[in-house]
C-alpha atoms as a PDB file:
ATOM      1  CA  MET A   1     105.999 -42.904  59.294  1.00  0.00           C
ATOM      2  CA  THR A   2     105.510 -42.915  63.177  1.00  0.00           C
ATOM      3  CA  PRO A   3     102.029 -41.829  64.618  1.00  0.00           C
ATOM      4  CA  HIS A   4     103.648 -38.693  66.095  1.00  0.00           C
ATOM      5  CA  ALA A   5     105.221 -37.672  62.689  1.00  0.00           C
ATOM      6  CA  HIS A   6     101.934 -35.853  61.635  1.00  0.00           C
ATOM      7  CA  LEU A   7     101.566 -33.992  64.937  1.00  0.00           C
ATOM      8  CA  TRP A   8     105.096 -32.601  64.776  1.00  0.00           C
ATOM      9  CA  ALA A   9     104.510 -31.626  61.102  1.00  0.00           C
ATOM     10  CA  ALA A  10     101.340 -29.704  62.160  1.00  0.00           C
ATOM     11  CA  ARG A  11     103.205 -27.820  64.901  1.00  0.00           C
ATOM     12  CA  LEU A  12     106.018 -26.833  62.509  1.00  0.00           C
ATOM     13  CA  ASN A  13     103.455 -25.489  60.040  1.00  0.00           C
ATOM     14  CA  VAL A  14     101.751 -23.407  62.795  1.00  0.00           C
ATOM     15  CA  CYS A  15     105.089 -21.932  63.814  1.00  0.00           C
ATOM     16  CA  LYS A  16     105.785 -21.060  60.223  1.00  0.00           C
ATOM     17  CA  VAL A  17     102.439 -19.367  59.589  1.00  0.00           C
ATOM     18  CA  GLY A  18     102.819 -17.393  62.890  1.00  0.00           C
ATOM     19  CA  THR A  19     105.519 -15.366  61.248  1.00  0.00           C
ATOM     20  CA  THR A  20     103.343 -14.220  58.528  1.00  0.00           C
ATOM     21  CA  PRO A  21     101.874 -10.560  58.478  1.00  0.00           C
ATOM     22  CA  LEU A  22      98.330 -11.734  58.293  1.00  0.00           C
ATOM     23  CA  LEU A  23      98.572 -13.665  61.667  1.00  0.00           C
ATOM     24  CA  ARG A  24     100.563 -10.891  63.293  1.00  0.00           C
ATOM     25  CA  LYS A  25      97.661  -8.343  62.311  1.00  0.00           C
ATOM     26  CA  ALA A  26      95.095 -10.735  63.744  1.00  0.00           C
ATOM     27  CA  LEU A  27      96.924 -11.045  66.993  1.00  0.00           C
ATOM     28  CA  HIS A  28      97.252  -7.254  67.188  1.00  0.00           C
ATOM     29  CA  LEU A  29      93.642  -6.747  66.672  1.00  0.00           C
ATOM     30  CA  ARG A  30      92.827  -9.433  69.261  1.00  0.00           C
ATOM     31  CA  LEU A  31      95.084  -7.896  71.710  1.00  0.00           C
ATOM     32  CA  LYS A  32      93.585  -4.342  71.135  1.00  0.00           C
ATOM     33  CA  GLN A  33      90.073  -5.717  71.789  1.00  0.00           C
ATOM     34  CA  CYS A  34      91.273  -7.276  75.057  1.00  0.00           C
ATOM     35  CA  LEU A  35      92.979  -4.100  76.417  1.00  0.00           C
ATOM     36  CA  HIS A  36      90.817  -1.151  77.651  1.00  0.00           C
ATOM     37  CA  VAL A  37      91.606   2.096  75.704  1.00  0.00           C
ATOM     38  CA  SER A  38      89.756   5.253  76.934  1.00  0.00           C
ATOM     39  CA  PRO A  39      88.431   7.602  74.243  1.00  0.00           C
ATOM     40  CA  LEU A  40      89.677  10.451  76.393  1.00  0.00           C
ATOM     41  CA  CYS A  41      93.200   9.596  75.687  1.00  0.00           C
ATOM     42  CA  ARG A  42      92.786  10.725  72.068  1.00  0.00           C
ATOM     43  CA  ASP A  43      91.338  14.171  73.172  1.00  0.00           C
ATOM     44  CA  ARG A  44      93.086  14.673  76.471  1.00  0.00           C
ATOM     45  CA  LYS A  45      94.583  17.932  75.432  1.00  0.00           C
ATOM     46  CA  SER A  46      91.114  19.426  74.245  1.00  0.00           C
ATOM     47  CA  SER A  47      88.699  20.708  76.789  1.00  0.00           C
ATOM     48  CA  LEU A  48      86.003  21.156  74.178  1.00  0.00           C
ATOM     49  CA  CYS A  49      84.434  17.696  74.926  1.00  0.00           C
ATOM     50  CA  LEU A  50      84.844  17.744  78.693  1.00  0.00           C
ATOM     51  CA  ARG A  51      82.195  18.629  81.109  1.00  0.00           C
ATOM     52  CA  PRO A  52      82.771  18.866  84.926  1.00  0.00           C
ATOM     53  CA  THR A  53      80.349  16.728  86.874  1.00  0.00           C
ATOM     54  CA  GLY A  54      80.891  16.590  90.543  1.00  0.00           C
ATOM     55  CA  LYS A  55      84.524  15.751  91.398  1.00  0.00           C
ATOM     56  CA  ASN A  56      85.232  14.260  88.042  1.00  0.00           C
ATOM     57  CA  SER A  57      85.822  16.621  85.114  1.00  0.00           C
ATOM     58  CA  LEU A  58      87.007  14.044  82.770  1.00  0.00           C
ATOM     59  CA  LEU A  59      83.554  12.946  81.415  1.00  0.00           C
ATOM     60  CA  LEU A  60      82.621  13.322  77.749  1.00  0.00           C
ATOM     61  CA  ASN A  61      79.792  15.374  77.209  1.00  0.00           C
ATOM     62  CA  PRO A  62      77.074  13.157  75.557  1.00  0.00           C
ATOM     63  CA  GLY A  63      75.642  16.036  73.516  1.00  0.00           C
ATOM     64  CA  THR A  64      78.847  16.500  71.630  1.00  0.00           C
ATOM     65  CA  ASN A  65      79.793  14.491  68.606  1.00  0.00           C
ATOM     66  CA  GLU A  66      82.886  14.351  66.402  1.00  0.00           C
ATOM     67  CA  ALA A  67      81.357  16.651  63.856  1.00  0.00           C
ATOM     68  CA  SER A  68      80.771  19.354  66.392  1.00  0.00           C
ATOM     69  CA  LEU A  69      84.277  18.917  67.768  1.00  0.00           C
ATOM     70  CA  VAL A  70      85.869  19.202  64.242  1.00  0.00           C
ATOM     71  CA  SER A  71      83.837  22.323  63.408  1.00  0.00           C
ATOM     72  CA  ALA A  72      84.801  24.005  66.611  1.00  0.00           C
ATOM     73  CA  GLY A  73      88.505  23.637  65.771  1.00  0.00           C
ATOM     74  CA  THR A  74      88.206  24.880  62.256  1.00  0.00           C
ATOM     75  CA  PRO A  75      88.806  28.607  61.276  1.00  0.00           C
ATOM     76  CA  GLN A  76      85.058  28.959  60.541  1.00  0.00           C
ATOM     77  CA  GLY A  77      84.399  28.142  64.235  1.00  0.00           C
ATOM     78  CA  ASN A  78      87.046  30.553  65.509  1.00  0.00           C
ATOM     79  CA  GLU A  79      85.552  33.418  63.442  1.00  0.00           C
ATOM     80  CA  GLN A  80      82.367  33.039  65.369  1.00  0.00           C
ATOM     81  CA  ALA A  81      84.230  34.165  68.459  1.00  0.00           C
ATOM     82  CA  SER A  82      83.472  37.632  69.844  1.00  0.00           C
ATOM     83  CA  PHE A  83      87.171  38.680  70.186  1.00  0.00           C
ATOM     84  CA  MET A  84      89.823  39.710  67.729  1.00  0.00           C
ATOM     85  CA  GLN A  85      93.573  40.848  67.742  1.00  0.00           C
ATOM     86  CA  TYR A  86      94.120  44.622  67.168  1.00  0.00           C
ATOM     87  CA  VAL A  87      97.293  46.775  67.182  1.00  0.00           C
ATOM     88  CA  PHE A  88      97.148  50.179  68.881  1.00  0.00           C
ATOM     89  CA  LYS A  89      99.844  52.273  67.111  1.00  0.00           C
ATOM     90  CA  TRP A  90     100.093  55.105  69.738  1.00  0.00           C
ATOM     91  CA  GLY A  91     100.121  52.761  72.780  1.00  0.00           C
ATOM     92  CA  ILE A  92      97.748  52.113  75.537  1.00  0.00           C
ATOM     93  CA  GLY A  93      97.297  54.216  78.624  1.00  0.00           C
ATOM     94  CA  ASN A  94      95.997  53.567  82.127  1.00  0.00           C
ATOM     95  CA  LYS A  95      95.108  55.470  85.267  1.00  0.00           C
ATOM     96  CA  PHE A  96      98.644  56.337  85.923  1.00  0.00           C
ATOM     97  CA  ARG A  97      99.086  57.753  82.441  1.00  0.00           C
ATOM     98  CA  SER A  98      95.962  59.801  82.578  1.00  0.00           C
ATOM     99  CA  ASP A  99      97.750  62.160  84.769  1.00  0.00           C
ATOM    100  CA  PRO A 100      99.153  64.974  82.489  1.00  0.00           C
ATOM    101  CA  GLU A 101     102.444  64.814  84.504  1.00  0.00           C
ATOM    102  CA  ASN A 102     102.910  61.012  83.742  1.00  0.00           C
ATOM    103  CA  ARG A 103     102.227  61.115  79.962  1.00  0.00           C
ATOM    104  CA  PHE A 104     104.506  59.435  77.561  1.00  0.00           C
ATOM    105  CA  HIS A 105     107.169  61.887  76.347  1.00  0.00           C
ATOM    106  CA  PRO A 106     107.547  62.702  73.441  1.00  0.00           C
ATOM    107  CA  VAL A 107     103.931  62.050  72.808  1.00  0.00           C
ATOM    108  CA  HIS A 108     104.178  61.782  69.024  1.00  0.00           C
ATOM    109  CA  LEU A 109     106.338  58.592  69.088  1.00  0.00           C
ATOM    110  CA  SER A 110     104.814  55.434  67.975  1.00  0.00           C
ATOM    111  CA  ARG A 111     104.266  52.681  70.675  1.00  0.00           C
ATOM    112  CA  ALA A 112     102.594  49.889  69.093  1.00  0.00           C
ATOM    113  CA  LYS A 113     100.940  47.235  71.274  1.00  0.00           C
ATOM    114  CA  GLU A 114      98.882  44.306  70.057  1.00  0.00           C
ATOM    115  CA  VAL A 115      95.999  43.244  72.234  1.00  0.00           C
ATOM    116  CA  THR A 116      92.766  41.214  72.254  1.00  0.00           C
ATOM    117  CA  ILE A 117      89.559  43.252  72.183  1.00  0.00           C
ATOM    118  CA  ARG A 118      85.911  42.579  71.490  1.00  0.00           C
ATOM    119  CA  LYS A 119      84.761  42.834  67.988  1.00  0.00           C
ATOM    120  CA  ASP A 120      81.995  45.272  68.937  1.00  0.00           C
ATOM    121  CA  TYR A 121      84.418  47.605  70.686  1.00  0.00           C
ATOM    122  CA  PHE A 122      84.460  50.183  67.849  1.00  0.00           C
ATOM    123  CA  ASP A 123      80.820  50.302  67.565  1.00  0.00           C
ATOM    124  CA  ALA A 124      79.454  53.821  68.196  1.00  0.00           C
ATOM    125  CA  VAL A 125      77.163  54.170  71.298  1.00  0.00           C
ATOM    126  CA  ASN A 126      75.236  56.948  69.547  1.00  0.00           C
ATOM    127  CA  GLU A 127      75.768  59.542  66.865  1.00  0.00           C
ATOM    128  CA  ASN A 128      77.458  61.984  69.286  1.00  0.00           C
ATOM    129  CA  ILE A 129      80.192  59.577  70.315  1.00  0.00           C
ATOM    130  CA  LYS A 130      82.436  58.275  67.651  1.00  0.00           C
ATOM    131  CA  TYR A 131      85.915  56.505  67.324  1.00  0.00           C
ATOM    132  CA  GLU A 132      88.497  58.229  65.464  1.00  0.00           C
ATOM    133  CA  PRO A 133      90.959  55.686  64.195  1.00  0.00           C
ATOM    134  CA  LEU A 134      93.717  58.056  62.992  1.00  0.00           C
ATOM    135  CA  ASN A 135      94.592  59.261  66.535  1.00  0.00           C
ATOM    136  CA  GLU A 136      92.986  56.175  68.177  1.00  0.00           C
ATOM    137  CA  GLN A 137      90.609  58.155  70.413  1.00  0.00           C
ATOM    138  CA  TRP A 138      86.929  58.402  71.267  1.00  0.00           C
ATOM    139  CA  GLU A 139      85.290  61.811  70.578  1.00  0.00           C
ATOM    140  CA  VAL A 140      82.242  63.450  71.953  1.00  0.00           C
ATOM    141  CA  PHE A 141      80.471  65.868  69.569  1.00  0.00           C
ATOM    142  CA  TRP A 142      77.774  68.463  70.625  1.00  0.00           C
ATOM    143  CA  PHE A 143      76.411  71.832  69.627  1.00  0.00           C
ATOM    144  CA  GLU A 144      76.641  74.720  71.974  1.00  0.00           C
ATOM    145  CA  ASN A 145      76.224  78.470  71.189  1.00  0.00           C
ATOM    146  CA  ASP A 146      75.412  77.485  67.622  1.00  0.00           C
ATOM    147  CA  LYS A 147      78.786  75.899  67.231  1.00  0.00           C
ATOM    148  CA  LEU A 148      80.050  72.326  66.868  1.00  0.00           C
ATOM    149  CA  ASN A 149      82.333  71.339  69.651  1.00  0.00           C
ATOM    150  CA  ALA A 150      84.338  68.039  70.202  1.00  0.00           C
ATOM    151  CA  LYS A 151      86.401  66.682  73.074  1.00  0.00           C
ATOM    152  CA  PRO A 152      88.822  63.620  72.519  1.00  0.00           C
ATOM    153  CA  PHE A 153      89.525  60.845  74.929  1.00  0.00           C
ATOM    154  CA  PRO A 154      92.643  59.086  73.479  1.00  0.00           C
ATOM    155  CA  ILE A 155      93.316  55.449  74.310  1.00  0.00           C
ATOM    156  CA  LYS A 156      97.075  56.248  74.875  1.00  0.00           C
ATOM    157  CA  LYS A 157      96.098  58.255  77.752  1.00  0.00           C
ATOM    158  CA  TYR A 158      93.041  56.536  79.466  1.00  0.00           C
ATOM    159  CA  GLY A 159      93.297  53.064  78.146  1.00  0.00           C
ATOM    160  CA  ILE A 160      91.128  50.944  76.038  1.00  0.00           C
ATOM    161  CA  GLU A 161      87.927  50.460  78.091  1.00  0.00           C
ATOM    162  CA  SER A 162      88.393  53.637  80.229  1.00  0.00           C
ATOM    163  CA  ALA A 163      88.675  55.958  77.027  1.00  0.00           C
ATOM    164  CA  LYS A 164      85.215  54.761  75.973  1.00  0.00           C
ATOM    165  CA  ARG A 165      83.791  54.847  79.412  1.00  0.00           C
ATOM    166  CA  GLU A 166      85.151  58.510  79.977  1.00  0.00           C
ATOM    167  CA  ALA A 167      83.543  59.540  76.759  1.00  0.00           C
ATOM    168  CA  ILE A 168      80.071  58.118  77.698  1.00  0.00           C
ATOM    169  CA  LYS A 169      80.514  59.657  81.137  1.00  0.00           C
ATOM    170  CA  PHE A 170      81.303  63.109  79.665  1.00  0.00           C
ATOM    171  CA  TYR A 171      78.246  62.754  77.218  1.00  0.00           C
ATOM    172  CA  GLU A 172      75.962  62.033  80.169  1.00  0.00           C
ATOM    173  CA  SER A 173      77.236  65.059  82.071  1.00  0.00           C
ATOM    174  CA  LEU A 174      76.421  67.256  79.065  1.00  0.00           C
ATOM    175  CA  LYS A 175      72.852  66.035  78.994  1.00  0.00           C
ATOM    176  CA  GLN A 176      72.351  66.598  82.735  1.00  0.00           C
ATOM    177  CA  ASN A 177      73.744  70.267  82.516  1.00  0.00           C
ATOM    178  CA  ASN A 178      71.475  70.775  79.495  1.00  0.00           C
ATOM    179  CA  ARG A 179      74.483  71.624  77.134  1.00  0.00           C
ATOM    180  CA  MET A 180      73.321  69.487  74.372  1.00  0.00           C
ATOM    181  CA  LYS A 181      71.553  71.757  71.720  1.00  0.00           C
ATOM    182  CA  ASP A 182      70.194  70.858  68.398  1.00  0.00           C
ATOM    183  CA  ARG A 183      71.904  71.169  65.220  1.00  0.00           C
ATOM    184  CA  PRO A 184      71.448  74.832  64.033  1.00  0.00           C
ATOM    185  CA  HIS A 185      69.903  75.297  60.556  1.00  0.00           C
ATOM    186  CA  TYR A 186      71.144  78.510  58.884  1.00  0.00           C
ATOM    187  CA  GLU A 187      69.000  79.789  55.971  1.00  0.00           C
ATOM    188  CA  SER A 188      69.699  83.132  54.278  1.00  0.00           C
ATOM    189  CA  GLY A 189      66.591  83.147  52.199  1.00  0.00           C
ATOM    190  CA  VAL A 190      68.694  84.190  49.095  1.00  0.00           C
ATOM    191  CA  GLU A 191      70.006  81.779  46.399  1.00  0.00           C
ATOM    192  CA  GLY A 192      73.740  81.622  46.415  1.00  0.00           C
ATOM    193  CA  VAL A 193      74.299  82.493  50.088  1.00  0.00           C
ATOM    194  CA  HIS A 194      75.155  79.707  52.559  1.00  0.00           C
ATOM    195  CA  TYR A 195      76.609  79.335  55.960  1.00  0.00           C
ATOM    196  CA  ASP A 196      79.773  77.209  56.285  1.00  0.00           C
ATOM    197  CA  VAL A 197      79.892  75.589  59.789  1.00  0.00           C
ATOM    198  CA  VAL A 198      83.509  74.585  59.449  1.00  0.00           C
ATOM    199  CA  THR A 199      84.971  78.025  58.733  1.00  0.00           C
ATOM    200  CA  ASN A 200      82.095  79.804  60.573  1.00  0.00           C
ATOM    201  CA  CYS A 201      81.504  82.114  57.695  1.00  0.00           C
ATOM    202  CA  TRP A 202      78.743  83.295  55.368  1.00  0.00           C
ATOM    203  CA  VAL A 203      79.701  82.304  51.812  1.00  0.00           C
ATOM    204  CA  ALA A 204      78.476  84.079  48.757  1.00  0.00           C
ATOM    205  CA  PHE A 205      78.481  82.332  45.304  1.00  0.00           C
ATOM    206  CA  TYR A 206      77.912  84.425  42.160  1.00  0.00           C
ATOM    207  CA  ARG A 207      79.277  84.854  38.694  1.00  0.00           C
ATOM    208  CA  GLN A 208      81.474  87.751  37.563  1.00  0.00           C
ATOM    209  CA  ARG A 209      82.136  88.198  33.910  1.00  0.00           C
ATOM    210  CA  ASN A 210      80.982  84.597  33.327  1.00  0.00           C
ATOM    211  CA  PHE A 211      83.480  83.211  35.927  1.00  0.00           C
ATOM    212  CA  PRO A 212      82.249  81.599  39.171  1.00  0.00           C
ATOM    213  CA  VAL A 213      83.316  83.578  42.258  1.00  0.00           C
ATOM    214  CA  CYS A 214      83.260  82.626  45.884  1.00  0.00           C
ATOM    215  CA  ARG A 215      83.539  85.175  48.800  1.00  0.00           C
ATOM    216  CA  SER A 216      83.537  84.389  52.543  1.00  0.00           C
ATOM    217  CA  PHE A 217      82.456  86.667  55.239  1.00  0.00           C
ATOM    218  CA  SER A 218      83.657  85.586  58.781  1.00  0.00           C
ATOM    219  CA  ALA A 219      80.926  85.710  61.398  1.00  0.00           C
ATOM    220  CA  GLU A 220      83.696  85.724  64.033  1.00  0.00           C
ATOM    221  CA  TYR A 221      85.143  88.959  62.650  1.00  0.00           C
ATOM    222  CA  HIS A 222      82.120  90.819  61.392  1.00  0.00           C
ATOM    223  CA  GLY A 223      79.367  89.318  63.571  1.00  0.00           C
ATOM    224  CA  PHE A 224      76.898  86.675  62.644  1.00  0.00           C
ATOM    225  CA  GLU A 225      74.156  88.880  61.278  1.00  0.00           C
ATOM    226  CA  THR A 226      76.562  91.476  59.747  1.00  0.00           C
ATOM    227  CA  ALA A 227      78.400  88.784  57.898  1.00  0.00           C
ATOM    228  CA  LYS A 228      75.134  87.401  56.653  1.00  0.00           C
ATOM    229  CA  LYS A 229      74.094  90.940  55.406  1.00  0.00           C
ATOM    230  CA  MET A 230      77.332  91.430  53.710  1.00  0.00           C
ATOM    231  CA  ALA A 231      77.172  88.153  51.746  1.00  0.00           C
ATOM    232  CA  ILE A 232      73.498  88.944  50.661  1.00  0.00           C
ATOM    233  CA  GLU A 233      74.382  92.385  49.521  1.00  0.00           C
ATOM    234  CA  ARG A 234      77.455  91.015  47.541  1.00  0.00           C
ATOM    235  CA  VAL A 235      75.281  88.531  45.646  1.00  0.00           C
ATOM    236  CA  LYS A 236      72.472  91.153  44.874  1.00  0.00           C
ATOM    237  CA  LYS A 237      75.109  93.577  43.717  1.00  0.00           C
ATOM    238  CA  CYS A 238      76.693  91.255  41.200  1.00  0.00           C
ATOM    239  CA  ARG A 239      73.348  90.231  39.853  1.00  0.00           C
ATOM    240  CA  GLU A 240      72.188  93.719  39.013  1.00  0.00           C
END
């Protein structure tokens, strides 16, 4: 065998081994180490790990790690947001629709619209201002002339934020004009006689021939004191 025969045999073996998967994998890892691959290429569509510094906004925030990035993209992280999706069935108004001449007609038709609102939007400001979900409106309650009054501010007329703002504004005007009165307490002093705020009547409860009986006396028709007196007399008469 010639002296160059071993050299040619070694070169032939190298060429054969170069086609094996093991050598191709080693060459791929070596090539990957030599080339520069930026970590931002992996997250270039996510702005959670970017922080603007000067003119360059493509800098990774050193305070963020992979665990925080993963948790921010999970449903648990989204639940911590302060907004939510909500559908208003009767539509959403604005300043133009607040004018009675520009209202939707007919007003009873459903005009559902889905929007993004704050999670605390439906929280009551105080006990006198409450949200009524059936008609989708904010209502202001107050006692005046010993009667419970209420004024609605529908969202389909004023809008989402404007309806709540107008309700608070009206409540403040009631306080400034000294129209807010305390809840009246009606006591007859006789067992079985009570005042019903809803019907504005004095109600007498008694038994007649061992059957429970209820009789109402309208304060609007008879007068407040007269209706009270009639209810007391009815109870006393049936007890005798």
